[in-house]
Amino acid sequence: MNKDTVIKHYQHSIEWVQSLTELTDKEWRSAIAEGKWSIAEIIAHFVSWDEFILHDRLKECWNEQALPQAPDAHEMNQ
C-alpha cells in the first residue's frame, strides 16, 4: 500500500462519515441489526483505531521501520 492509496482511503472515509450528518438522531443511535452496535458506536470505535494508525503506525510505514506492538484489541474496543 502506498502513500496515495492511504490518502485516498482516508479521503473517501471522511466523505462517507460526513454523509452520516443526514441521519436522524434515532437512526444514529439505533442498532444496525439485532444485537449489533449503533452507527454512533461504530464511528466512535473507529476514532481510537484511526488515532493509533495516524500516530503510531504510519510513521513506521513511511520509514520502513518495524511496527510497534498493537494495543490489546479487546481492551481498546471497550
Protein backbone atom coordinates (compact mmCIF):
# COMPACT_ATOMS: atom_id res chain seq x y z
CA MET A 1 0.00 0.00 0.00
CA ASN A 2 1.49 3.33 -0.97
CA LYS A 3 1.00 6.83 0.39
CA ASP A 4 -1.51 7.88 -2.31
CA THR A 5 -3.67 4.82 -1.65
CA VAL A 6 -3.76 5.56 2.08
CA ILE A 7 -4.64 9.21 1.47
CA LYS A 8 -7.44 8.29 -0.95
CA HIS A 9 -8.80 5.76 1.55
CA TYR A 10 -8.98 8.39 4.30
CA GLN A 11 -10.49 10.99 1.95
CA HIS A 12 -13.21 8.52 0.98
CA SER A 13 -13.78 7.64 4.65
CA ILE A 14 -14.16 11.31 5.58
CA GLU A 15 -16.71 11.86 2.81
CA TRP A 16 -18.67 8.79 3.91
CA VAL A 17 -18.72 9.87 7.56
CA GLN A 18 -19.79 13.38 6.55
CA SER A 19 -22.76 11.84 4.72
CA LEU A 20 -23.96 10.49 8.07
CA THR A 21 -24.94 14.00 9.15
CA GLU A 22 -28.14 13.43 7.19
CA LEU A 23 -29.26 10.71 9.64
CA THR A 24 -31.85 11.44 12.29
CA ASP A 25 -30.81 11.10 15.92
CA LYS A 26 -32.91 7.94 16.12
CA GLU A 27 -31.13 6.41 13.09
CA TRP A 28 -27.73 7.47 14.52
CA ARG A 29 -28.39 5.72 17.84
CA SER A 30 -30.28 2.63 16.60
CA ALA A 31 -28.53 -0.72 16.30
CA ILE A 32 -27.75 -1.62 12.69
CA ALA A 33 -29.20 -5.09 13.37
CA GLU A 34 -30.41 -7.14 16.32
CA GLY A 35 -27.58 -7.46 18.84
CA LYS A 36 -25.30 -5.12 16.84
CA TRP A 37 -23.86 -1.70 17.59
CA SER A 38 -25.43 1.58 16.55
CA ILE A 39 -23.85 3.77 13.87
CA ALA A 40 -22.73 6.13 16.64
CA GLU A 41 -20.95 3.28 18.44
CA ILE A 42 -19.30 2.09 15.23
CA ILE A 43 -17.99 5.57 14.40
CA ALA A 44 -16.74 6.03 17.99
CA HIS A 45 -14.93 2.70 17.62
CA PHE A 46 -13.12 3.96 14.51
CA VAL A 47 -11.78 7.04 16.30
CA SER A 48 -9.43 5.18 18.66
CA TRP A 49 -8.13 2.92 15.91
CA ASP A 50 -7.65 5.81 13.48
CA GLU A 51 -5.69 7.73 16.11
CA PHE A 52 -3.48 4.68 16.69
CA ILE A 53 -2.84 4.29 12.95
CA LEU A 54 -2.16 8.00 12.42
CA HIS A 55 0.08 8.49 15.46
CA ASP A 56 1.76 5.10 15.89
CA ARG A 57 1.76 3.22 12.59
CA LEU A 58 2.07 5.49 9.58
CA LYS A 59 5.44 6.98 10.51
CA GLU A 60 6.92 3.47 10.69
CA CYS A 61 5.36 2.53 7.35
CA TRP A 62 6.83 5.58 5.63
CA ASN A 63 10.25 4.98 7.21
CA GLU A 64 10.15 1.21 6.62
CA GLN A 65 10.69 0.56 10.32
CA ALA A 66 9.34 -2.33 12.37
CA LEU A 67 5.79 -1.70 13.52
CA PRO A 68 5.20 -1.16 17.25
CA GLN A 69 3.14 -3.65 19.21
CA ALA A 70 -0.57 -3.05 18.64
CA PRO A 71 -2.73 -2.36 21.67
CA ASP A 72 -4.89 -5.14 23.02
CA ALA A 73 -7.86 -5.12 20.62
CA HIS A 74 -10.40 -6.27 23.20
CA GLU A 75 -9.31 -3.59 25.67
CA MET A 76 -9.29 -0.85 23.03
CA ASN A 77 -12.72 -1.86 21.74
CA GLN A 78 -14.20 -1.46 25.19
